[in-house]
N, C-alpha and C. Protein backbone atom coordinates (compact mmCIF):
# COMPACT_ATOMS: atom_id res chain seq x y z
N MET A 1 49.24 173.68 213.24
CA MET A 1 48.61 173.38 214.53
C MET A 1 47.08 173.54 214.41
N THR A 2 46.33 172.61 214.93
CA THR A 2 44.88 172.66 214.91
C THR A 2 44.35 173.43 216.11
N ARG A 3 43.48 174.40 215.86
CA ARG A 3 42.85 175.11 216.97
C ARG A 3 41.59 174.34 217.35
N LEU A 4 41.66 173.62 218.45
CA LEU A 4 40.52 172.85 218.94
C LEU A 4 39.79 173.71 219.96
N SER A 5 38.49 173.93 219.74
CA SER A 5 37.77 174.86 220.60
C SER A 5 36.62 174.24 221.38
N VAL A 6 36.21 172.99 221.07
CA VAL A 6 35.09 172.35 221.77
C VAL A 6 35.17 170.85 221.57
N ILE A 7 34.69 170.10 222.56
CA ILE A 7 34.65 168.64 222.47
C ILE A 7 33.23 168.17 222.76
N GLY A 8 32.69 167.37 221.85
CA GLY A 8 31.36 166.80 222.03
C GLY A 8 31.45 165.36 222.50
N PHE A 9 30.49 164.98 223.31
CA PHE A 9 30.43 163.60 223.82
C PHE A 9 29.04 163.02 223.60
N ASP A 10 29.02 161.78 223.15
CA ASP A 10 27.81 160.97 223.19
C ASP A 10 27.56 160.59 224.65
N ALA A 11 26.35 160.10 224.95
CA ALA A 11 26.03 159.72 226.33
C ALA A 11 25.96 158.21 226.51
N ASP A 12 24.92 157.56 225.93
CA ASP A 12 24.70 156.14 226.13
C ASP A 12 25.85 155.30 225.59
N ASP A 13 26.42 154.48 226.46
CA ASP A 13 27.52 153.56 226.15
C ASP A 13 28.83 154.27 225.81
N THR A 14 28.85 155.58 226.01
CA THR A 14 30.10 156.34 225.97
C THR A 14 30.43 156.84 227.38
N LEU A 15 29.42 157.38 228.05
CA LEU A 15 29.59 157.86 229.42
C LEU A 15 29.01 156.89 230.44
N TRP A 16 27.92 156.23 230.09
CA TRP A 16 27.30 155.27 231.02
C TRP A 16 26.74 154.09 230.25
N GLN A 17 26.50 152.99 231.01
CA GLN A 17 25.99 151.76 230.42
C GLN A 17 24.58 151.96 229.89
N ASN A 18 24.29 151.33 228.75
CA ASN A 18 22.95 151.40 228.18
C ASN A 18 22.58 150.12 227.45
N GLU A 19 23.37 149.74 226.45
CA GLU A 19 23.03 148.59 225.60
C GLU A 19 22.91 147.30 226.40
N SER A 20 23.70 147.16 227.46
CA SER A 20 23.66 145.93 228.26
C SER A 20 22.28 145.71 228.86
N PHE A 21 21.57 146.78 229.22
CA PHE A 21 20.24 146.63 229.79
C PHE A 21 19.24 146.18 228.72
N PHE A 22 19.43 146.65 227.50
CA PHE A 22 18.58 146.19 226.39
C PHE A 22 18.80 144.71 226.13
N ARG A 23 20.06 144.28 226.16
CA ARG A 23 20.36 142.87 225.90
C ARG A 23 19.76 141.97 226.98
N LEU A 24 19.87 142.38 228.24
CA LEU A 24 19.30 141.58 229.33
C LEU A 24 17.78 141.49 229.20
N THR A 25 17.15 142.61 228.86
CA THR A 25 15.70 142.61 228.70
C THR A 25 15.28 141.77 227.50
N GLU A 26 16.08 141.81 226.46
CA GLU A 26 15.80 141.00 225.27
C GLU A 26 15.82 139.52 225.62
N GLU A 27 16.76 139.11 226.47
CA GLU A 27 16.83 137.71 226.90
C GLU A 27 15.59 137.33 227.71
N ARG A 28 15.17 138.22 228.60
CA ARG A 28 13.96 137.96 229.39
C ARG A 28 12.73 137.88 228.50
N PHE A 29 12.69 138.71 227.49
CA PHE A 29 11.59 138.71 226.53
C PHE A 29 11.55 137.38 225.78
N ALA A 30 12.71 136.88 225.39
CA ALA A 30 12.78 135.59 224.69
C ALA A 30 12.30 134.45 225.58
N GLU A 31 12.65 134.50 226.86
CA GLU A 31 12.19 133.48 227.80
C GLU A 31 10.68 133.56 227.99
N LEU A 32 10.15 134.77 228.03
CA LEU A 32 8.72 134.97 228.24
C LEU A 32 7.89 134.38 227.11
N LEU A 33 8.43 134.41 225.89
CA LEU A 33 7.69 133.93 224.72
C LEU A 33 8.29 132.66 224.14
N ALA A 34 9.00 131.90 224.97
CA ALA A 34 9.70 130.70 224.49
C ALA A 34 8.74 129.65 223.93
N ASP A 35 7.50 129.64 224.38
CA ASP A 35 6.53 128.66 223.88
C ASP A 35 6.03 129.01 222.48
N HIS A 36 6.34 130.22 222.01
CA HIS A 36 5.81 130.67 220.73
C HIS A 36 6.88 130.85 219.64
N ALA A 37 8.12 131.02 220.05
CA ALA A 37 9.20 131.23 219.07
C ALA A 37 10.54 130.94 219.72
N GLN A 38 11.46 130.39 218.94
CA GLN A 38 12.80 130.17 219.45
C GLN A 38 13.51 131.52 219.63
N GLY A 39 14.45 131.53 220.56
CA GLY A 39 15.08 132.79 220.96
C GLY A 39 15.67 133.59 219.82
N ASP A 40 16.47 132.97 218.96
CA ASP A 40 17.11 133.70 217.87
C ASP A 40 16.08 134.25 216.89
N HIS A 41 15.07 133.44 216.61
CA HIS A 41 14.03 133.89 215.69
C HIS A 41 13.24 135.06 216.28
N LEU A 42 12.95 134.98 217.56
CA LEU A 42 12.21 136.05 218.22
C LEU A 42 13.01 137.35 218.19
N LYS A 43 14.31 137.26 218.45
CA LYS A 43 15.15 138.46 218.43
C LYS A 43 15.21 139.07 217.04
N GLU A 44 15.22 138.22 216.01
CA GLU A 44 15.18 138.74 214.64
C GLU A 44 13.88 139.47 214.37
N ARG A 45 12.78 138.91 214.87
CA ARG A 45 11.47 139.56 214.69
C ARG A 45 11.43 140.90 215.44
N LEU A 46 12.01 140.91 216.64
CA LEU A 46 12.03 142.14 217.44
C LEU A 46 12.88 143.21 216.75
N LEU A 47 14.04 142.83 216.23
CA LEU A 47 14.88 143.80 215.53
C LEU A 47 14.16 144.35 214.30
N ALA A 48 13.46 143.49 213.58
CA ALA A 48 12.71 143.96 212.42
C ALA A 48 11.64 144.97 212.82
N ALA A 49 10.99 144.71 213.95
CA ALA A 49 9.98 145.64 214.45
C ALA A 49 10.62 146.96 214.84
N GLU A 50 11.78 146.91 215.49
CA GLU A 50 12.48 148.14 215.88
C GLU A 50 12.88 148.95 214.65
N MET A 51 13.39 148.28 213.63
CA MET A 51 13.80 148.97 212.41
C MET A 51 12.60 149.65 211.76
N LYS A 52 11.46 148.97 211.77
CA LYS A 52 10.24 149.52 211.17
C LYS A 52 9.70 150.69 211.98
N ASN A 53 9.85 150.61 213.30
CA ASN A 53 9.18 151.57 214.18
C ASN A 53 10.02 152.77 214.58
N VAL A 54 11.32 152.73 214.34
CA VAL A 54 12.17 153.81 214.85
C VAL A 54 11.77 155.16 214.27
N GLY A 55 11.26 155.15 213.05
CA GLY A 55 10.81 156.41 212.46
C GLY A 55 9.55 156.95 213.12
N HIS A 56 8.79 156.07 213.78
CA HIS A 56 7.55 156.48 214.45
C HIS A 56 7.79 156.82 215.92
N TYR A 57 8.56 155.97 216.61
CA TYR A 57 8.74 156.10 218.05
C TYR A 57 10.06 156.74 218.46
N GLY A 58 11.00 156.82 217.54
CA GLY A 58 12.32 157.33 217.88
C GLY A 58 13.14 156.28 218.61
N PHE A 59 14.27 156.72 219.17
CA PHE A 59 15.18 155.82 219.87
C PHE A 59 14.88 155.85 221.37
N GLY A 60 15.10 154.73 222.03
CA GLY A 60 14.94 154.71 223.47
C GLY A 60 14.09 153.56 223.96
N ILE A 61 13.91 153.52 225.27
CA ILE A 61 13.26 152.40 225.92
C ILE A 61 11.77 152.33 225.60
N LYS A 62 11.11 153.47 225.50
CA LYS A 62 9.66 153.45 225.25
C LYS A 62 9.34 152.84 223.89
N GLY A 63 10.12 153.20 222.88
CA GLY A 63 9.94 152.58 221.57
C GLY A 63 10.27 151.10 221.59
N PHE A 64 11.27 150.72 222.38
CA PHE A 64 11.64 149.32 222.54
C PHE A 64 10.49 148.54 223.17
N MET A 65 9.85 149.11 224.19
CA MET A 65 8.70 148.46 224.82
C MET A 65 7.59 148.23 223.81
N LEU A 66 7.27 149.23 223.02
CA LEU A 66 6.20 149.10 222.03
C LEU A 66 6.55 148.06 220.97
N SER A 67 7.81 147.99 220.59
CA SER A 67 8.24 146.99 219.61
C SER A 67 8.17 145.59 220.20
N MET A 68 8.47 145.43 221.48
CA MET A 68 8.31 144.12 222.13
C MET A 68 6.85 143.70 222.14
N ILE A 69 5.96 144.64 222.46
CA ILE A 69 4.53 144.31 222.47
C ILE A 69 4.06 143.92 221.08
N GLU A 70 4.47 144.68 220.07
CA GLU A 70 4.09 144.36 218.70
C GLU A 70 4.60 142.98 218.30
N THR A 71 5.84 142.67 218.68
CA THR A 71 6.41 141.36 218.34
C THR A 71 5.66 140.24 219.05
N ALA A 72 5.29 140.47 220.31
CA ALA A 72 4.53 139.47 221.06
C ALA A 72 3.18 139.20 220.40
N VAL A 73 2.51 140.24 219.96
CA VAL A 73 1.23 140.09 219.25
C VAL A 73 1.45 139.31 217.95
N ASP A 74 2.54 139.63 217.27
CA ASP A 74 2.84 139.02 215.96
C ASP A 74 3.11 137.53 216.10
N VAL A 75 4.02 137.15 217.01
CA VAL A 75 4.43 135.74 217.09
C VAL A 75 3.35 134.85 217.70
N THR A 76 2.42 135.44 218.44
CA THR A 76 1.31 134.65 219.00
C THR A 76 0.07 134.73 218.14
N GLU A 77 0.20 135.39 216.98
CA GLU A 77 -0.92 135.57 216.05
C GLU A 77 -2.12 136.20 216.75
N GLY A 78 -1.81 137.19 217.59
CA GLY A 78 -2.85 137.95 218.26
C GLY A 78 -3.40 137.32 219.52
N ARG A 79 -2.82 136.20 219.95
CA ARG A 79 -3.37 135.50 221.11
C ARG A 79 -2.66 135.84 222.42
N VAL A 80 -1.70 136.75 222.39
CA VAL A 80 -0.97 137.09 223.61
C VAL A 80 -1.95 137.64 224.64
N ASP A 81 -1.80 137.19 225.91
CA ASP A 81 -2.75 137.62 226.93
C ASP A 81 -2.24 138.86 227.68
N GLY A 82 -3.13 139.45 228.45
CA GLY A 82 -2.80 140.68 229.17
C GLY A 82 -1.69 140.50 230.17
N HIS A 83 -1.55 139.31 230.74
CA HIS A 83 -0.49 139.07 231.72
C HIS A 83 0.89 139.23 231.07
N VAL A 84 1.04 138.71 229.86
CA VAL A 84 2.31 138.83 229.15
C VAL A 84 2.59 140.30 228.80
N ILE A 85 1.57 140.99 228.33
CA ILE A 85 1.74 142.42 228.03
C ILE A 85 2.14 143.16 229.29
N GLY A 86 1.54 142.82 230.41
CA GLY A 86 1.90 143.46 231.68
C GLY A 86 3.35 143.21 232.05
N GLN A 87 3.83 142.00 231.81
CA GLN A 87 5.23 141.69 232.11
C GLN A 87 6.18 142.48 231.21
N ILE A 88 5.81 142.64 229.95
CA ILE A 88 6.64 143.44 229.04
C ILE A 88 6.71 144.88 229.52
N LEU A 89 5.57 145.43 229.92
CA LEU A 89 5.56 146.80 230.45
C LEU A 89 6.40 146.90 231.72
N ASP A 90 6.33 145.89 232.58
CA ASP A 90 7.14 145.89 233.80
C ASP A 90 8.63 145.90 233.47
N MET A 91 9.02 145.11 232.46
CA MET A 91 10.43 145.05 232.07
C MET A 91 10.90 146.42 231.57
N GLY A 92 10.07 147.06 230.75
CA GLY A 92 10.45 148.37 230.25
C GLY A 92 10.54 149.41 231.36
N GLN A 93 9.59 149.38 232.29
CA GLN A 93 9.63 150.34 233.39
C GLN A 93 10.82 150.09 234.31
N GLU A 94 11.19 148.83 234.45
CA GLU A 94 12.40 148.51 235.23
C GLU A 94 13.64 149.10 234.55
N MET A 95 13.69 149.05 233.22
CA MET A 95 14.81 149.67 232.50
C MET A 95 14.85 151.18 232.75
N LEU A 96 13.68 151.81 232.74
CA LEU A 96 13.61 153.25 232.95
C LEU A 96 14.06 153.65 234.35
N ARG A 97 13.87 152.75 235.31
CA ARG A 97 14.25 153.05 236.69
C ARG A 97 15.68 152.66 237.02
N HIS A 98 16.36 152.00 236.11
CA HIS A 98 17.69 151.46 236.43
C HIS A 98 18.67 152.58 236.73
N PRO A 99 19.44 152.44 237.82
CA PRO A 99 20.40 153.50 238.16
C PRO A 99 21.50 153.64 237.11
N ILE A 100 22.06 154.82 237.02
CA ILE A 100 23.13 155.10 236.08
C ILE A 100 24.42 154.41 236.54
N GLU A 101 25.10 153.74 235.61
CA GLU A 101 26.40 153.12 235.87
C GLU A 101 27.42 153.76 234.94
N LEU A 102 28.23 154.66 235.48
CA LEU A 102 29.24 155.33 234.67
C LEU A 102 30.28 154.32 234.18
N LEU A 103 30.77 154.53 232.99
CA LEU A 103 31.83 153.69 232.43
C LEU A 103 33.19 154.12 232.99
N PRO A 104 34.20 153.27 232.88
CA PRO A 104 35.52 153.61 233.44
C PRO A 104 36.10 154.90 232.86
N HIS A 105 36.76 155.66 233.72
CA HIS A 105 37.54 156.86 233.37
C HIS A 105 36.69 158.07 232.98
N VAL A 106 35.38 157.96 233.07
CA VAL A 106 34.52 159.06 232.63
C VAL A 106 34.74 160.31 233.46
N GLU A 107 34.63 160.19 234.77
CA GLU A 107 34.71 161.38 235.61
C GLU A 107 36.09 162.04 235.52
N ASP A 108 37.14 161.26 235.56
CA ASP A 108 38.48 161.83 235.49
C ASP A 108 38.73 162.52 234.16
N THR A 109 38.29 161.88 233.08
CA THR A 109 38.53 162.44 231.74
C THR A 109 37.73 163.71 231.52
N LEU A 110 36.45 163.70 231.87
CA LEU A 110 35.65 164.91 231.71
C LEU A 110 36.17 166.04 232.60
N GLY A 111 36.58 165.68 233.81
CA GLY A 111 37.12 166.70 234.70
C GLY A 111 38.37 167.34 234.15
N ALA A 112 39.25 166.53 233.59
CA ALA A 112 40.50 167.06 233.05
C ALA A 112 40.26 167.94 231.82
N LEU A 113 39.35 167.50 230.94
CA LEU A 113 39.12 168.25 229.71
C LEU A 113 38.26 169.49 229.91
N SER A 114 37.33 169.43 230.86
CA SER A 114 36.44 170.58 231.06
C SER A 114 37.17 171.79 231.61
N ASP A 115 38.36 171.59 232.16
CA ASP A 115 39.17 172.72 232.63
C ASP A 115 39.76 173.51 231.46
N ARG A 116 39.82 172.88 230.27
CA ARG A 116 40.48 173.53 229.13
C ARG A 116 39.57 173.79 227.94
N TYR A 117 38.47 173.03 227.85
CA TYR A 117 37.58 173.15 226.70
C TYR A 117 36.12 173.14 227.15
N PRO A 118 35.24 173.85 226.45
CA PRO A 118 33.82 173.63 226.69
C PRO A 118 33.44 172.25 226.17
N LEU A 119 32.65 171.53 226.94
CA LEU A 119 32.18 170.21 226.55
C LEU A 119 30.69 170.30 226.22
N VAL A 120 30.29 169.61 225.15
CA VAL A 120 28.89 169.59 224.74
C VAL A 120 28.41 168.14 224.67
N LEU A 121 27.31 167.85 225.35
CA LEU A 121 26.71 166.51 225.29
C LEU A 121 25.75 166.48 224.11
N ILE A 122 25.95 165.51 223.21
CA ILE A 122 25.10 165.37 222.03
C ILE A 122 24.61 163.93 222.01
N THR A 123 23.35 163.76 222.33
CA THR A 123 22.80 162.42 222.47
C THR A 123 21.44 162.34 221.82
N LYS A 124 21.04 161.15 221.41
CA LYS A 124 19.73 160.98 220.82
C LYS A 124 18.90 160.05 221.68
N GLY A 125 17.59 160.19 221.57
CA GLY A 125 16.70 159.36 222.35
C GLY A 125 15.53 160.14 222.90
N ASP A 126 14.84 159.55 223.85
CA ASP A 126 13.69 160.18 224.47
C ASP A 126 14.13 161.37 225.32
N LEU A 127 13.54 162.54 225.09
CA LEU A 127 13.97 163.77 225.76
C LEU A 127 13.92 163.63 227.27
N LEU A 128 12.78 163.22 227.81
CA LEU A 128 12.62 163.14 229.27
C LEU A 128 13.61 162.17 229.88
N HIS A 129 13.74 160.98 229.28
CA HIS A 129 14.62 159.97 229.87
C HIS A 129 16.09 160.39 229.78
N GLN A 130 16.50 160.99 228.68
CA GLN A 130 17.88 161.44 228.56
C GLN A 130 18.18 162.55 229.58
N GLU A 131 17.23 163.45 229.79
CA GLU A 131 17.41 164.48 230.81
C GLU A 131 17.52 163.86 232.20
N GLN A 132 16.70 162.85 232.47
CA GLN A 132 16.76 162.18 233.77
C GLN A 132 18.09 161.47 233.97
N LYS A 133 18.59 160.82 232.93
CA LYS A 133 19.86 160.11 233.05
C LYS A 133 21.01 161.08 233.28
N LEU A 134 21.00 162.19 232.57
CA LEU A 134 22.07 163.17 232.77
C LEU A 134 22.03 163.71 234.20
N ALA A 135 20.84 164.01 234.71
CA ALA A 135 20.73 164.52 236.08
C ALA A 135 21.22 163.48 237.08
N ALA A 136 20.87 162.21 236.85
CA ALA A 136 21.27 161.15 237.78
C ALA A 136 22.76 160.84 237.70
N SER A 137 23.38 161.16 236.57
CA SER A 137 24.80 160.84 236.39
C SER A 137 25.73 161.70 237.23
N GLY A 138 25.26 162.89 237.61
CA GLY A 138 26.10 163.83 238.33
C GLY A 138 27.11 164.54 237.45
N LEU A 139 26.98 164.40 236.14
CA LEU A 139 27.96 164.98 235.21
C LEU A 139 27.48 166.30 234.59
N GLY A 140 26.26 166.68 234.86
CA GLY A 140 25.65 167.80 234.16
C GLY A 140 26.44 169.09 234.20
N GLU A 141 27.04 169.41 235.34
CA GLU A 141 27.75 170.67 235.48
C GLU A 141 29.02 170.74 234.64
N MET A 142 29.48 169.60 234.13
CA MET A 142 30.69 169.59 233.32
C MET A 142 30.43 170.03 231.87
N PHE A 143 29.15 170.12 231.49
CA PHE A 143 28.83 170.41 230.10
C PHE A 143 28.36 171.84 229.92
N ALA A 144 28.94 172.49 228.91
CA ALA A 144 28.54 173.86 228.57
C ALA A 144 27.26 173.88 227.76
N GLY A 145 26.90 172.75 227.17
CA GLY A 145 25.68 172.65 226.38
C GLY A 145 25.22 171.22 226.28
N VAL A 146 23.92 171.04 226.06
CA VAL A 146 23.33 169.71 225.92
C VAL A 146 22.39 169.72 224.71
N GLU A 147 22.59 168.77 223.81
CA GLU A 147 21.73 168.60 222.63
C GLU A 147 21.14 167.21 222.68
N ILE A 148 19.81 167.11 222.82
CA ILE A 148 19.11 165.83 222.77
C ILE A 148 18.30 165.83 221.48
N VAL A 149 18.65 164.93 220.57
CA VAL A 149 18.11 164.98 219.21
C VAL A 149 17.45 163.66 218.85
N SER A 150 16.65 163.69 217.80
CA SER A 150 15.99 162.47 217.34
C SER A 150 16.90 161.63 216.46
N GLU A 151 17.87 162.25 215.81
CA GLU A 151 18.83 161.54 214.97
C GLU A 151 20.08 162.39 214.84
N LYS A 152 21.22 161.74 214.67
CA LYS A 152 22.49 162.45 214.54
C LYS A 152 22.89 162.47 213.07
N VAL A 153 22.81 163.65 212.51
CA VAL A 153 23.18 163.88 211.11
C VAL A 153 24.16 165.05 211.09
N PRO A 154 24.87 165.27 209.98
CA PRO A 154 25.88 166.34 209.94
C PRO A 154 25.36 167.71 210.40
N SER A 155 24.12 168.05 210.04
CA SER A 155 23.59 169.36 210.42
C SER A 155 23.45 169.51 211.93
N VAL A 156 23.22 168.40 212.63
CA VAL A 156 23.14 168.45 214.09
C VAL A 156 24.48 168.87 214.68
N TYR A 157 25.56 168.30 214.16
CA TYR A 157 26.89 168.65 214.66
C TYR A 157 27.26 170.08 214.28
N SER A 158 26.91 170.48 213.09
CA SER A 158 27.19 171.87 212.69
C SER A 158 26.50 172.84 213.63
N ARG A 159 25.24 172.55 213.96
CA ARG A 159 24.49 173.44 214.86
C ARG A 159 25.05 173.39 216.28
N ALA A 160 25.36 172.18 216.78
CA ALA A 160 25.82 172.03 218.15
C ALA A 160 27.15 172.73 218.40
N PHE A 161 27.99 172.77 217.37
CA PHE A 161 29.32 173.36 217.53
C PHE A 161 29.40 174.81 217.04
N ALA A 162 28.31 175.33 216.51
CA ALA A 162 28.34 176.66 215.88
C ALA A 162 28.75 177.76 216.84
N ASP A 163 28.35 177.67 218.09
CA ASP A 163 28.66 178.71 219.08
C ASP A 163 30.04 178.53 219.72
N HIS A 164 30.78 177.52 219.27
CA HIS A 164 32.08 177.23 219.88
C HIS A 164 33.18 177.15 218.82
N GLY A 165 33.09 177.98 217.82
CA GLY A 165 34.14 178.03 216.81
C GLY A 165 33.86 177.25 215.56
N GLY A 166 32.74 176.51 215.54
CA GLY A 166 32.38 175.76 214.33
C GLY A 166 32.88 174.33 214.34
N ALA A 167 32.26 173.50 213.50
CA ALA A 167 32.56 172.08 213.48
C ALA A 167 34.01 171.77 213.13
N GLU A 168 34.63 172.61 212.31
CA GLU A 168 36.01 172.33 211.90
C GLU A 168 36.99 172.45 213.06
N HIS A 169 36.57 173.08 214.15
CA HIS A 169 37.41 173.21 215.33
C HIS A 169 36.88 172.37 216.50
N ALA A 170 36.06 171.37 216.16
CA ALA A 170 35.42 170.54 217.17
C ALA A 170 35.88 169.09 217.07
N MET A 171 35.69 168.38 218.15
CA MET A 171 35.96 166.94 218.19
C MET A 171 34.74 166.25 218.80
N MET A 172 34.28 165.17 218.16
CA MET A 172 33.16 164.38 218.68
C MET A 172 33.68 163.04 219.15
N VAL A 173 33.21 162.62 220.32
CA VAL A 173 33.68 161.38 220.95
C VAL A 173 32.47 160.48 221.21
N GLY A 174 32.52 159.24 220.75
CA GLY A 174 31.40 158.35 221.01
C GLY A 174 31.65 156.92 220.61
N ASN A 175 30.69 156.06 220.93
CA ASN A 175 30.84 154.62 220.70
C ASN A 175 30.13 154.14 219.45
N SER A 176 29.40 155.02 218.76
CA SER A 176 28.67 154.59 217.57
C SER A 176 29.33 155.11 216.30
N MET A 177 29.74 154.19 215.46
CA MET A 177 30.35 154.59 214.20
C MET A 177 29.33 155.34 213.34
N LYS A 178 28.09 154.86 213.33
CA LYS A 178 27.05 155.45 212.48
C LYS A 178 26.62 156.83 212.97
N SER A 179 26.49 157.00 214.28
CA SER A 179 25.91 158.23 214.82
C SER A 179 26.94 159.24 215.30
N ASP A 180 28.06 158.77 215.84
CA ASP A 180 29.02 159.68 216.46
C ASP A 180 30.22 159.99 215.58
N VAL A 181 30.56 159.10 214.69
CA VAL A 181 31.77 159.26 213.88
C VAL A 181 31.47 159.77 212.48
N VAL A 182 30.71 159.00 211.72
CA VAL A 182 30.51 159.31 210.30
C VAL A 182 29.88 160.69 210.09
N PRO A 183 28.78 161.03 210.76
CA PRO A 183 28.19 162.36 210.51
C PRO A 183 29.02 163.50 211.07
N ALA A 184 29.77 163.28 212.14
CA ALA A 184 30.63 164.33 212.67
C ALA A 184 31.76 164.65 211.68
N LEU A 185 32.34 163.60 211.09
CA LEU A 185 33.36 163.83 210.07
C LEU A 185 32.78 164.57 208.87
N ALA A 186 31.56 164.20 208.49
CA ALA A 186 30.92 164.86 207.35
C ALA A 186 30.69 166.34 207.63
N ALA A 187 30.50 166.69 208.91
CA ALA A 187 30.32 168.09 209.28
C ALA A 187 31.64 168.85 209.33
N GLY A 188 32.75 168.12 209.28
CA GLY A 188 34.06 168.75 209.30
C GLY A 188 34.81 168.62 210.61
N SER A 189 34.26 167.88 211.56
CA SER A 189 34.87 167.75 212.88
C SER A 189 35.91 166.63 212.90
N TRP A 190 36.68 166.63 213.98
CA TRP A 190 37.43 165.43 214.34
C TRP A 190 36.42 164.45 214.93
N ALA A 191 36.71 163.15 214.87
CA ALA A 191 35.83 162.15 215.47
C ALA A 191 36.68 161.05 216.10
N VAL A 192 36.35 160.72 217.34
CA VAL A 192 37.07 159.70 218.09
C VAL A 192 36.11 158.58 218.46
N TYR A 193 36.42 157.40 217.99
CA TYR A 193 35.59 156.22 218.26
C TYR A 193 36.11 155.50 219.50
N VAL A 194 35.20 155.27 220.45
CA VAL A 194 35.54 154.56 221.68
C VAL A 194 34.64 153.33 221.76
N PRO A 195 35.10 152.17 221.30
CA PRO A 195 34.23 150.99 221.25
C PRO A 195 33.76 150.58 222.64
N HIS A 196 32.51 150.16 222.69
CA HIS A 196 31.91 149.76 223.97
C HIS A 196 31.96 148.26 224.17
N GLY A 197 31.86 147.49 223.11
CA GLY A 197 31.82 146.04 223.23
C GLY A 197 30.47 145.48 222.85
N LEU A 198 29.41 146.22 223.19
CA LEU A 198 28.07 145.86 222.76
C LEU A 198 27.58 146.97 221.83
N SER A 199 27.05 146.58 220.70
CA SER A 199 26.61 147.57 219.73
C SER A 199 25.28 147.13 219.12
N TRP A 200 24.29 148.00 219.12
CA TRP A 200 23.00 147.72 218.51
C TRP A 200 23.18 147.61 217.00
N ALA A 201 22.48 146.66 216.39
CA ALA A 201 22.65 146.42 214.96
C ALA A 201 22.36 147.66 214.12
N LEU A 202 21.44 148.51 214.57
CA LEU A 202 21.08 149.69 213.80
C LEU A 202 22.14 150.79 213.87
N GLU A 203 23.16 150.60 214.69
CA GLU A 203 24.23 151.60 214.81
C GLU A 203 25.49 151.20 214.04
N HIS A 204 25.39 150.16 213.23
CA HIS A 204 26.57 149.70 212.50
C HIS A 204 26.87 150.60 211.30
N ALA A 205 28.15 150.84 211.09
CA ALA A 205 28.64 151.50 209.88
C ALA A 205 30.11 151.12 209.71
N ASP A 206 30.59 151.14 208.50
CA ASP A 206 32.00 150.83 208.26
C ASP A 206 32.88 151.96 208.78
N PRO A 207 33.99 151.63 209.43
CA PRO A 207 34.90 152.68 209.92
C PRO A 207 35.54 153.44 208.76
N PRO A 208 35.71 154.74 208.91
CA PRO A 208 36.31 155.55 207.83
C PRO A 208 37.83 155.47 207.86
N GLU A 209 38.35 154.30 207.60
CA GLU A 209 39.79 154.08 207.66
C GLU A 209 40.52 155.05 206.73
N GLY A 210 41.58 155.64 207.22
CA GLY A 210 42.37 156.55 206.41
C GLY A 210 41.92 157.99 206.46
N HIS A 211 40.77 158.27 207.06
CA HIS A 211 40.32 159.66 207.16
C HIS A 211 41.27 160.40 208.12
N PRO A 212 41.78 161.56 207.72
CA PRO A 212 42.79 162.24 208.54
C PRO A 212 42.27 162.74 209.89
N ARG A 213 40.96 162.85 210.04
CA ARG A 213 40.41 163.36 211.30
C ARG A 213 39.74 162.26 212.14
N TYR A 214 39.96 161.02 211.78
CA TYR A 214 39.36 159.90 212.52
C TYR A 214 40.41 159.17 213.35
N ARG A 215 40.04 158.87 214.60
CA ARG A 215 40.90 158.08 215.47
C ARG A 215 40.04 157.10 216.28
N GLU A 216 40.66 156.02 216.70
CA GLU A 216 40.02 155.08 217.63
C GLU A 216 40.90 154.94 218.85
N ILE A 217 40.30 154.97 220.03
CA ILE A 217 41.03 154.75 221.27
C ILE A 217 40.33 153.64 222.05
N ALA A 218 41.07 152.95 222.91
CA ALA A 218 40.53 151.80 223.61
C ALA A 218 39.48 152.20 224.64
N ASP A 219 39.71 153.30 225.35
CA ASP A 219 38.76 153.77 226.34
C ASP A 219 39.03 155.25 226.59
N LEU A 220 38.21 155.88 227.42
CA LEU A 220 38.31 157.32 227.61
C LEU A 220 39.58 157.76 228.33
N ALA A 221 40.30 156.83 228.94
CA ALA A 221 41.54 157.22 229.59
C ALA A 221 42.55 157.79 228.60
N GLY A 222 42.47 157.35 227.35
CA GLY A 222 43.41 157.82 226.34
C GLY A 222 43.01 159.10 225.65
N LEU A 223 41.84 159.64 226.00
CA LEU A 223 41.36 160.81 225.27
C LEU A 223 42.16 162.09 225.55
N PRO A 224 42.51 162.43 226.79
CA PRO A 224 43.27 163.66 227.00
C PRO A 224 44.57 163.71 226.21
N GLU A 225 45.27 162.59 226.11
CA GLU A 225 46.51 162.55 225.34
C GLU A 225 46.24 162.79 223.86
N HIS A 226 45.15 162.21 223.34
CA HIS A 226 44.82 162.42 221.94
C HIS A 226 44.41 163.86 221.68
N VAL A 227 43.63 164.43 222.59
CA VAL A 227 43.23 165.83 222.45
C VAL A 227 44.47 166.73 222.41
N ALA A 228 45.41 166.46 223.28
CA ALA A 228 46.65 167.26 223.32
C ALA A 228 47.42 167.13 222.01
N ALA A 229 47.45 165.94 221.44
CA ALA A 229 48.16 165.73 220.18
C ALA A 229 47.50 166.50 219.04
N VAL A 230 46.18 166.45 219.00
CA VAL A 230 45.44 167.18 217.95
C VAL A 230 45.65 168.68 218.08
N ALA A 231 45.62 169.16 219.32
CA ALA A 231 45.74 170.60 219.57
C ALA A 231 47.18 171.09 219.53
N GLY A 232 48.14 170.15 219.39
CA GLY A 232 49.54 170.54 219.35
C GLY A 232 50.08 171.01 220.68
N GLU A 233 49.51 170.46 221.76
CA GLU A 233 49.95 170.89 223.10
C GLU A 233 51.19 170.14 223.54
């Protein structure tokens, strides 16, 4: 029997919508610069800028805004005017103001599990914005701990779970194979993949098929049953 002592959750696109807002803004950005580059080419240029800049700006909307501005300067060969830059800033600020949209089954699942296990939120991105989103979600009181990090690596999970019996007695739940599954398994935890449907290219990784501590579920409604099975309840 496995002694399960803590459950970790990702935030963006696991508990609430996130990637869909990036995709919508990306489409608006392509329309804004349609006279300078075709949509698919512009998106490729934007992704390249994001890949280059993530080490400087980190993850989140503010870095995305700066990468859009850089791409606009690039594709216009420096001729982009202030009006376009202003529109890009407006789009980013609109993303920052967007209300939280919880995903299906989140409240019921967290409520059911928090009665039996400490829950820890482990998310990456801009500190201020992630704190604001958690506060707006109304879910904050369900978590015994919150970790907002610049990147998710095995040592992050080891540290996050250290006060709750250690990573070997923990389970991580999230929608990113690269950030929520692979490094959690490397730390010794269980890992549950909950696909969202939209996935950022930088979050891609091959699934660890055959790993004894890896599972995939369709949505969070199936998590309590899986937790019970792992814990031998």
